[in-house]
PDB file of N, CA and C in Angstrom:
ATOM      1  N   MET A   1      -6.738  -9.020  -0.211  1.00  0.00           N
ATOM      2  CA  MET A   1      -5.979  -8.888   0.994  1.00  0.00           C
ATOM      3  C   MET A   1      -6.525  -7.745   1.853  1.00  0.00           C
ATOM      4  N   ILE A   2      -6.865  -6.633   1.234  1.00  0.00           N
ATOM      5  CA  ILE A   2      -7.400  -5.502   1.984  1.00  0.00           C
ATOM      6  C   ILE A   2      -8.733  -5.872   2.615  1.00  0.00           C
ATOM      7  N   GLU A   3      -9.547  -6.615   1.878  1.00  0.00           N
ATOM      8  CA  GLU A   3     -10.849  -7.026   2.404  1.00  0.00           C
ATOM      9  C   GLU A   3     -10.689  -7.933   3.627  1.00  0.00           C
ATOM     10  N   LYS A   4      -9.729  -8.845   3.583  1.00  0.00           N
ATOM     11  CA  LYS A   4      -9.502  -9.745   4.721  1.00  0.00           C
ATOM     12  C   LYS A   4      -9.071  -8.967   5.954  1.00  0.00           C
ATOM     13  N   ILE A   5      -8.180  -8.009   5.763  1.00  0.00           N
ATOM     14  CA  ILE A   5      -7.721  -7.198   6.885  1.00  0.00           C
ATOM     15  C   ILE A   5      -8.869  -6.350   7.432  1.00  0.00           C
ATOM     16  N   ASN A   6      -9.677  -5.775   6.546  1.00  0.00           N
ATOM     17  CA  ASN A   6     -10.822  -4.973   6.994  1.00  0.00           C
ATOM     18  C   ASN A   6     -11.817  -5.814   7.782  1.00  0.00           C
ATOM     19  N   LYS A   7     -12.074  -7.044   7.325  1.00  0.00           N
ATOM     20  CA  LYS A   7     -13.010  -7.914   8.051  1.00  0.00           C
ATOM     21  C   LYS A   7     -12.479  -8.256   9.432  1.00  0.00           C
ATOM     22  N   ALA A   8     -11.190  -8.573   9.520  1.00  0.00           N
ATOM     23  CA  ALA A   8     -10.590  -8.921  10.812  1.00  0.00           C
ATOM     24  C   ALA A   8     -10.615  -7.725  11.755  1.00  0.00           C
ATOM     25  N   CYS A   9     -10.301  -6.542  11.252  1.00  0.00           N
ATOM     26  CA  CYS A   9     -10.319  -5.339  12.092  1.00  0.00           C
ATOM     27  C   CYS A   9     -11.739  -4.982  12.516  1.00  0.00           C
ATOM     28  N   THR A  10     -12.709  -5.153  11.622  1.00  0.00           N
ATOM     29  CA  THR A  10     -14.102  -4.871  11.959  1.00  0.00           C
ATOM     30  C   THR A  10     -14.583  -5.810  13.055  1.00  0.00           C
ATOM     31  N   ARG A  11     -14.232  -7.089  12.948  1.00  0.00           N
ATOM     32  CA  ARG A  11     -14.600  -8.063  13.976  1.00  0.00           C
ATOM     33  C   ARG A  11     -13.995  -7.684  15.330  1.00  0.00           C
ATOM     34  N   MET A  12     -12.724  -7.299  15.310  1.00  0.00           N
ATOM     35  CA  MET A  12     -12.052  -6.918  16.546  1.00  0.00           C
ATOM     36  C   MET A  12     -12.660  -5.650  17.125  1.00  0.00           C
ATOM     37  N   ASN A  13     -12.992  -4.682  16.272  1.00  0.00           N
ATOM     38  CA  ASN A  13     -13.615  -3.446  16.735  1.00  0.00           C
ATOM     39  C   ASN A  13     -14.974  -3.722  17.361  1.00  0.00           C
ATOM     40  N   GLN A  14     -15.750  -4.637  16.781  1.00  0.00           N
ATOM     41  CA  GLN A  14     -17.053  -4.974  17.343  1.00  0.00           C
ATOM     42  C   GLN A  14     -16.910  -5.644  18.701  1.00  0.00           C
ATOM     43  N   GLN A  15     -15.906  -6.506  18.855  1.00  0.00           N
ATOM     44  CA  GLN A  15     -15.689  -7.178  20.137  1.00  0.00           C
ATOM     45  C   GLN A  15     -15.247  -6.194  21.213  1.00  0.00           C
ATOM     46  N   LEU A  16     -14.459  -5.186  20.808  1.00  0.00           N
ATOM     47  CA  LEU A  16     -13.996  -4.187  21.760  1.00  0.00           C
ATOM     48  C   LEU A  16     -14.998  -3.063  21.964  1.00  0.00           C
ATOM     49  N   GLY A  17     -16.007  -2.990  21.115  1.00  0.00           N
ATOM     50  CA  GLY A  17     -17.015  -1.937  21.214  1.00  0.00           C
ATOM     51  C   GLY A  17     -16.537  -0.590  20.708  1.00  0.00           C
ATOM     52  N   VAL A  18     -15.626  -0.605  19.763  1.00  0.00           N
ATOM     53  CA  VAL A  18     -15.079   0.626  19.204  1.00  0.00           C
ATOM     54  C   VAL A  18     -15.801   0.934  17.897  1.00  0.00           C
ATOM     55  N   PRO A  19     -16.426   2.116  17.786  1.00  0.00           N
ATOM     56  CA  PRO A  19     -17.173   2.439  16.561  1.00  0.00           C
ATOM     57  C   PRO A  19     -16.295   3.067  15.477  1.00  0.00           C
ATOM     58  N   ILE A  20     -15.392   2.286  14.915  1.00  0.00           N
ATOM     59  CA  ILE A  20     -14.512   2.784  13.860  1.00  0.00           C
ATOM     60  C   ILE A  20     -14.857   2.067  12.566  1.00  0.00           C
ATOM     61  N   SER A  21     -15.085   2.844  11.513  1.00  0.00           N
ATOM     62  CA  SER A  21     -15.330   2.237  10.207  1.00  0.00           C
ATOM     63  C   SER A  21     -14.081   2.432   9.350  1.00  0.00           C
ATOM     64  N   LEU A  22     -13.633   1.366   8.750  1.00  0.00           N
ATOM     65  CA  LEU A  22     -12.431   1.414   7.930  1.00  0.00           C
ATOM     66  C   LEU A  22     -12.782   1.768   6.493  1.00  0.00           C
ATOM     67  N   PRO A  23     -11.905   2.507   5.815  1.00  0.00           N
ATOM     68  CA  PRO A  23     -12.187   2.870   4.425  1.00  0.00           C
ATOM     69  C   PRO A  23     -12.091   1.654   3.508  1.00  0.00           C
ATOM     70  N   ARG A  24     -12.890   1.656   2.478  1.00  0.00           N
ATOM     71  CA  ARG A  24     -12.860   0.599   1.472  1.00  0.00           C
ATOM     72  C   ARG A  24     -12.526   1.269   0.140  1.00  0.00           C
ATOM     73  N   PRO A  25     -11.232   1.277  -0.223  1.00  0.00           N
ATOM     74  CA  PRO A  25     -10.824   1.986  -1.434  1.00  0.00           C
ATOM     75  C   PRO A  25     -11.342   1.306  -2.702  1.00  0.00           C
ATOM     76  N   ASN A  26     -11.720   2.139  -3.662  1.00  0.00           N
ATOM     77  CA  ASN A  26     -12.146   1.585  -4.943  1.00  0.00           C
ATOM     78  C   ASN A  26     -10.917   1.385  -5.836  1.00  0.00           C
ATOM     79  N   GLN A  27     -11.143   0.902  -7.029  1.00  0.00           N
ATOM     80  CA  GLN A  27     -10.041   0.561  -7.923  1.00  0.00           C
ATOM     81  C   GLN A  27      -9.244   1.804  -8.325  1.00  0.00           C
ATOM     82  N   ALA A  28      -9.914   2.914  -8.558  1.00  0.00           N
ATOM     83  CA  ALA A  28      -9.214   4.134  -8.956  1.00  0.00           C
ATOM     84  C   ALA A  28      -8.307   4.643  -7.832  1.00  0.00           C
ATOM     85  N   ALA A  29      -8.763   4.566  -6.598  1.00  0.00           N
ATOM     86  CA  ALA A  29      -7.951   5.003  -5.465  1.00  0.00           C
ATOM     87  C   ALA A  29      -6.732   4.107  -5.294  1.00  0.00           C
ATOM     88  N   LEU A  30      -6.899   2.805  -5.501  1.00  0.00           N
ATOM     89  CA  LEU A  30      -5.770   1.884  -5.405  1.00  0.00           C
ATOM     90  C   LEU A  30      -4.737   2.162  -6.487  1.00  0.00           C
ATOM     91  N   LYS A  31      -5.197   2.431  -7.710  1.00  0.00           N
ATOM     92  CA  LYS A  31      -4.271   2.715  -8.806  1.00  0.00           C
ATOM     93  C   LYS A  31      -3.507   4.019  -8.567  1.00  0.00           C
ATOM     94  N   LEU A  32      -4.198   5.045  -8.077  1.00  0.00           N
ATOM     95  CA  LEU A  32      -3.542   6.316  -7.787  1.00  0.00           C
ATOM     96  C   LEU A  32      -2.512   6.151  -6.678  1.00  0.00           C
ATOM     97  N   SER A  33      -2.855   5.416  -5.652  1.00  0.00           N
ATOM     98  CA  SER A  33      -1.930   5.160  -4.559  1.00  0.00           C
ATOM     99  C   SER A  33      -0.718   4.364  -5.038  1.00  0.00           C
ATOM    100  N   ALA A  34      -0.942   3.377  -5.876  1.00  0.00           N
ATOM    101  CA  ALA A  34       0.165   2.585  -6.418  1.00  0.00           C
ATOM    102  C   ALA A  34       1.092   3.448  -7.269  1.00  0.00           C
ATOM    103  N   PHE A  35       0.512   4.323  -8.080  1.00  0.00           N
ATOM    104  CA  PHE A  35       1.316   5.216  -8.924  1.00  0.00           C
ATOM    105  C   PHE A  35       2.178   6.135  -8.067  1.00  0.00           C
ATOM    106  N   CYS A  36       1.582   6.723  -7.032  1.00  0.00           N
ATOM    107  CA  CYS A  36       2.339   7.606  -6.135  1.00  0.00           C
ATOM    108  C   CYS A  36       3.442   6.838  -5.418  1.00  0.00           C
ATOM    109  N   ASN A  37       3.142   5.634  -4.975  1.00  0.00           N
ATOM    110  CA  ASN A  37       4.159   4.819  -4.300  1.00  0.00           C
ATOM    111  C   ASN A  37       5.318   4.497  -5.235  1.00  0.00           C
ATOM    112  N   LEU A  38       5.017   4.163  -6.475  1.00  0.00           N
ATOM    113  CA  LEU A  38       6.086   3.831  -7.419  1.00  0.00           C
ATOM    114  C   LEU A  38       6.976   5.037  -7.700  1.00  0.00           C
ATOM    115  N   ILE A  39       6.380   6.213  -7.864  1.00  0.00           N
ATOM    116  CA  ILE A  39       7.170   7.419  -8.125  1.00  0.00           C
ATOM    117  C   ILE A  39       8.054   7.743  -6.929  1.00  0.00           C
ATOM    118  N   ILE A  40       7.474   7.742  -5.722  1.00  0.00           N
ATOM    119  CA  ILE A  40       8.246   8.050  -4.519  1.00  0.00           C
ATOM    120  C   ILE A  40       9.334   6.992  -4.297  1.00  0.00           C
ATOM    121  N   GLY A  41       8.999   5.738  -4.526  1.00  0.00           N
ATOM    122  CA  GLY A  41       9.983   4.669  -4.369  1.00  0.00           C
ATOM    123  C   GLY A  41      11.144   4.805  -5.330  1.00  0.00           C
ATOM    124  N   LEU A  42      10.848   5.143  -6.583  1.00  0.00           N
ATOM    125  CA  LEU A  42      11.918   5.328  -7.569  1.00  0.00           C
ATOM    126  C   LEU A  42      12.824   6.493  -7.191  1.00  0.00           C
ATOM    127  N   ILE A  43      12.229   7.582  -6.698  1.00  0.00           N
ATOM    128  CA  ILE A  43      13.028   8.739  -6.275  1.00  0.00           C
ATOM    129  C   ILE A  43      13.917   8.362  -5.093  1.00  0.00           C
ATOM    130  N   LEU A  44      13.328   7.706  -4.091  1.00  0.00           N
ATOM    131  CA  LEU A  44      14.113   7.310  -2.916  1.00  0.00           C
ATOM    132  C   LEU A  44      15.230   6.334  -3.284  1.00  0.00           C
ATOM    133  N   ALA A  45      14.910   5.342  -4.103  1.00  0.00           N
ATOM    134  CA  ALA A  45      15.926   4.366  -4.500  1.00  0.00           C
ATOM    135  C   ALA A  45      17.024   5.035  -5.321  1.00  0.00           C
ATOM    136  N   GLY A  46      16.648   5.928  -6.200  1.00  0.00           N
ATOM    137  CA  GLY A  46      17.641   6.634  -7.007  1.00  0.00           C
ATOM    138  C   GLY A  46      18.572   7.480  -6.162  1.00  0.00           C
ATOM    139  N   ILE A  47      17.988   8.226  -5.216  1.00  0.00           N
ATOM    140  CA  ILE A  47      18.819   9.039  -4.323  1.00  0.00           C
ATOM    141  C   ILE A  47      19.701   8.145  -3.458  1.00  0.00           C
ATOM    142  N   GLY A  48      19.112   7.094  -2.923  1.00  0.00           N
ATOM    143  CA  GLY A  48      19.865   6.219  -2.038  1.00  0.00           C
ATOM    144  C   GLY A  48      21.036   5.549  -2.714  1.00  0.00           C
ATOM    145  N   PHE A  49      20.829   5.036  -3.904  1.00  0.00           N
ATOM    146  CA  PHE A  49      21.904   4.320  -4.579  1.00  0.00           C
ATOM    147  C   PHE A  49      22.871   5.264  -5.286  1.00  0.00           C
ATOM    148  N   SER A  50      22.424   6.462  -5.657  1.00  0.00           N
ATOM    149  CA  SER A  50      23.325   7.426  -6.288  1.00  0.00           C
ATOM    150  C   SER A  50      24.310   8.009  -5.283  1.00  0.00           C
ATOM    151  N   PHE A  51      23.831   8.320  -4.087  1.00  0.00           N
ATOM    152  CA  PHE A  51      24.676   8.962  -3.081  1.00  0.00           C
ATOM    153  C   PHE A  51      25.201   7.987  -2.031  1.00  0.00           C
ATOM    154  N   GLY A  52      24.947   6.704  -2.212  1.00  0.00           N
ATOM    155  CA  GLY A  52      25.479   5.711  -1.288  1.00  0.00           C
ATOM    156  C   GLY A  52      24.782   5.672   0.060  1.00  0.00           C
ATOM    157  N   ILE A  53      23.526   6.114   0.108  1.00  0.00           N
ATOM    158  CA  ILE A  53      22.765   6.076   1.358  1.00  0.00           C
ATOM    159  C   ILE A  53      21.955   4.778   1.340  1.00  0.00           C
ATOM    160  N   PHE A  54      22.477   3.769   2.010  1.00  0.00           N
ATOM    161  CA  PHE A  54      21.899   2.432   1.931  1.00  0.00           C
ATOM    162  C   PHE A  54      20.459   2.388   2.433  1.00  0.00           C
ATOM    163  N   LEU A  55      20.187   3.013   3.565  1.00  0.00           N
ATOM    164  CA  LEU A  55      18.842   2.934   4.134  1.00  0.00           C
ATOM    165  C   LEU A  55      17.803   3.635   3.255  1.00  0.00           C
ATOM    166  N   CYS A  56      18.197   4.709   2.615  1.00  0.00           N
ATOM    167  CA  CYS A  56      17.285   5.415   1.700  1.00  0.00           C
ATOM    168  C   CYS A  56      16.983   4.537   0.486  1.00  0.00           C
ATOM    169  N   GLY A  57      17.998   3.862  -0.032  1.00  0.00           N
ATOM    170  CA  GLY A  57      17.791   2.944  -1.155  1.00  0.00           C
ATOM    171  C   GLY A  57      16.922   1.772  -0.766  1.00  0.00           C
ATOM    172  N   LEU A  58      17.149   1.233   0.426  1.00  0.00           N
ATOM    173  CA  LEU A  58      16.335   0.117   0.917  1.00  0.00           C
ATOM    174  C   LEU A  58      14.884   0.545   1.109  1.00  0.00           C
ATOM    175  N   LEU A  59      14.685   1.723   1.684  1.00  0.00           N
ATOM    176  CA  LEU A  59      13.330   2.239   1.859  1.00  0.00           C
ATOM    177  C   LEU A  59      12.644   2.426   0.505  1.00  0.00           C
ATOM    178  N   GLY A  60      13.385   2.911  -0.476  1.00  0.00           N
ATOM    179  CA  GLY A  60      12.837   3.068  -1.818  1.00  0.00           C
ATOM    180  C   GLY A  60      12.389   1.746  -2.407  1.00  0.00           C
ATOM    181  N   LEU A  61      13.201   0.709  -2.221  1.00  0.00           N
ATOM    182  CA  LEU A  61      12.824  -0.615  -2.727  1.00  0.00           C
ATOM    183  C   LEU A  61      11.582  -1.154  -2.021  1.00  0.00           C
ATOM    184  N   LEU A  62      11.475  -0.905  -0.728  1.00  0.00           N
ATOM    185  CA  LEU A  62      10.283  -1.345   0.003  1.00  0.00           C
ATOM    186  C   LEU A  62       9.027  -0.597  -0.455  1.00  0.00           C
ATOM    187  N   VAL A  63       9.178   0.688  -0.733  1.00  0.00           N
ATOM    188  CA  VAL A  63       8.034   1.472  -1.228  1.00  0.00           C
ATOM    189  C   VAL A  63       7.628   0.983  -2.616  1.00  0.00           C
ATOM    190  N   ILE A  64       8.601   0.656  -3.456  1.00  0.00           N
ATOM    191  CA  ILE A  64       8.295   0.110  -4.787  1.00  0.00           C
ATOM    192  C   ILE A  64       7.555  -1.220  -4.646  1.00  0.00           C
ATOM    193  N   ALA A  65       7.997  -2.066  -3.718  1.00  0.00           N
ATOM    194  CA  ALA A  65       7.317  -3.343  -3.494  1.00  0.00           C
ATOM    195  C   ALA A  65       5.873  -3.114  -3.039  1.00  0.00           C
ATOM    196  N   GLY A  66       5.656  -2.111  -2.187  1.00  0.00           N
ATOM    197  CA  GLY A  66       4.294  -1.784  -1.772  1.00  0.00           C
ATOM    198  C   GLY A  66       3.442  -1.319  -2.943  1.00  0.00           C
ATOM    199  N   GLY A  67       4.039  -0.562  -3.854  1.00  0.00           N
ATOM    200  CA  GLY A  67       3.318  -0.121  -5.045  1.00  0.00           C
ATOM    201  C   GLY A  67       2.929  -1.285  -5.939  1.00  0.00           C
ATOM    202  N   VAL A  68       3.830  -2.245  -6.078  1.00  0.00           N
ATOM    203  CA  VAL A  68       3.535  -3.428  -6.889  1.00  0.00           C
ATOM    204  C   VAL A  68       2.399  -4.233  -6.253  1.00  0.00           C
ATOM    205  N   ILE A  69       2.415  -4.345  -4.936  1.00  0.00           N
ATOM    206  CA  ILE A  69       1.336  -5.054  -4.237  1.00  0.00           C
ATOM    207  C   ILE A  69       0.008  -4.333  -4.438  1.00  0.00           C
ATOM    208  N   LEU A  70       0.018  -3.012  -4.398  1.00  0.00           N
ATOM    209  CA  LEU A  70      -1.218  -2.261  -4.631  1.00  0.00           C
ATOM    210  C   LEU A  70      -1.723  -2.436  -6.060  1.00  0.00           C
ATOM    211  N   ILE A  71      -0.818  -2.518  -7.029  1.00  0.00           N
ATOM    212  CA  ILE A  71      -1.231  -2.774  -8.407  1.00  0.00           C
ATOM    213  C   ILE A  71      -1.903  -4.133  -8.505  1.00  0.00           C
ATOM    214  N   ALA A  72      -1.300  -5.137  -7.861  1.00  0.00           N
ATOM    215  CA  ALA A  72      -1.898  -6.476  -7.873  1.00  0.00           C
ATOM    216  C   ALA A  72      -3.260  -6.468  -7.186  1.00  0.00           C
ATOM    217  N   GLU A  73      -3.384  -5.725  -6.099  1.00  0.00           N
ATOM    218  CA  GLU A  73      -4.659  -5.639  -5.376  1.00  0.00           C
ATOM    219  C   GLU A  73      -5.735  -4.962  -6.238  1.00  0.00           C
ATOM    220  N   SER A  74      -5.369  -3.911  -6.963  1.00  0.00           N
ATOM    221  CA  SER A  74      -6.349  -3.248  -7.823  1.00  0.00           C
ATOM    222  C   SER A  74      -6.739  -4.148  -8.992  1.00  0.00           C
ATOM    223  N   TYR A  75      -5.784  -4.935  -9.479  1.00  0.00           N
ATOM    224  CA  TYR A  75      -6.093  -5.880 -10.556  1.00  0.00           C
ATOM    225  C   TYR A  75      -7.066  -6.950 -10.059  1.00  0.00           C
ATOM    226  N   LEU A  76      -6.820  -7.461  -8.861  1.00  0.00           N
ATOM    227  CA  LEU A  76      -7.731  -8.465  -8.290  1.00  0.00           C
ATOM    228  C   LEU A  76      -9.111  -7.878  -8.026  1.00  0.00           C
ATOM    229  N   LYS A  77      -9.140  -6.608  -7.596  1.00  0.00           N
ATOM    230  CA  LYS A  77     -10.428  -5.957  -7.323  1.00  0.00           C
ATOM    231  C   LYS A  77     -11.237  -5.782  -8.620  1.00  0.00           C
ATOM    232  N   SER A  78     -10.527  -5.566  -9.753  1.00  0.00           N
ATOM    233  CA  SER A  78     -11.234  -5.386 -11.018  1.00  0.00           C
ATOM    234  C   SER A  78     -11.821  -6.708 -11.525  1.00  0.00           C
ATOM    235  N   LYS A  79     -11.225  -7.834 -11.124  1.00  0.00           N
ATOM    236  CA  LYS A  79     -11.722  -9.131 -11.574  1.00  0.00           C
ATOM    237  C   LYS A  79     -12.939  -9.582 -10.788  1.00  0.00           C
ATOM    238  N   TRP A  80     -13.187  -8.990  -9.613  1.00  0.00           N
ATOM    239  CA  TRP A  80     -14.342  -9.380  -8.798  1.00  0.00           C
ATOM    240  C   TRP A  80     -15.549  -8.890  -9.473  1.00  0.00           C
TER     241      TRP A  80
END
């Protein structure tokens, strides 16, 4: 998924004449990012649901979902 987005952005940058190079994270960077997202998501969800702050809990769940997606992306990257 990251590769597809990078290719589309690179194509658009070339058409617009913008010299921006996008980062291409390796598997270790994806795993570290996923771990950080899961920890932050768990903290946010815990605070949100413990103190009744709905938006904080919802944000925590979304961050956890992003962490799970990053884990899947790093797993797919390792199979290539």
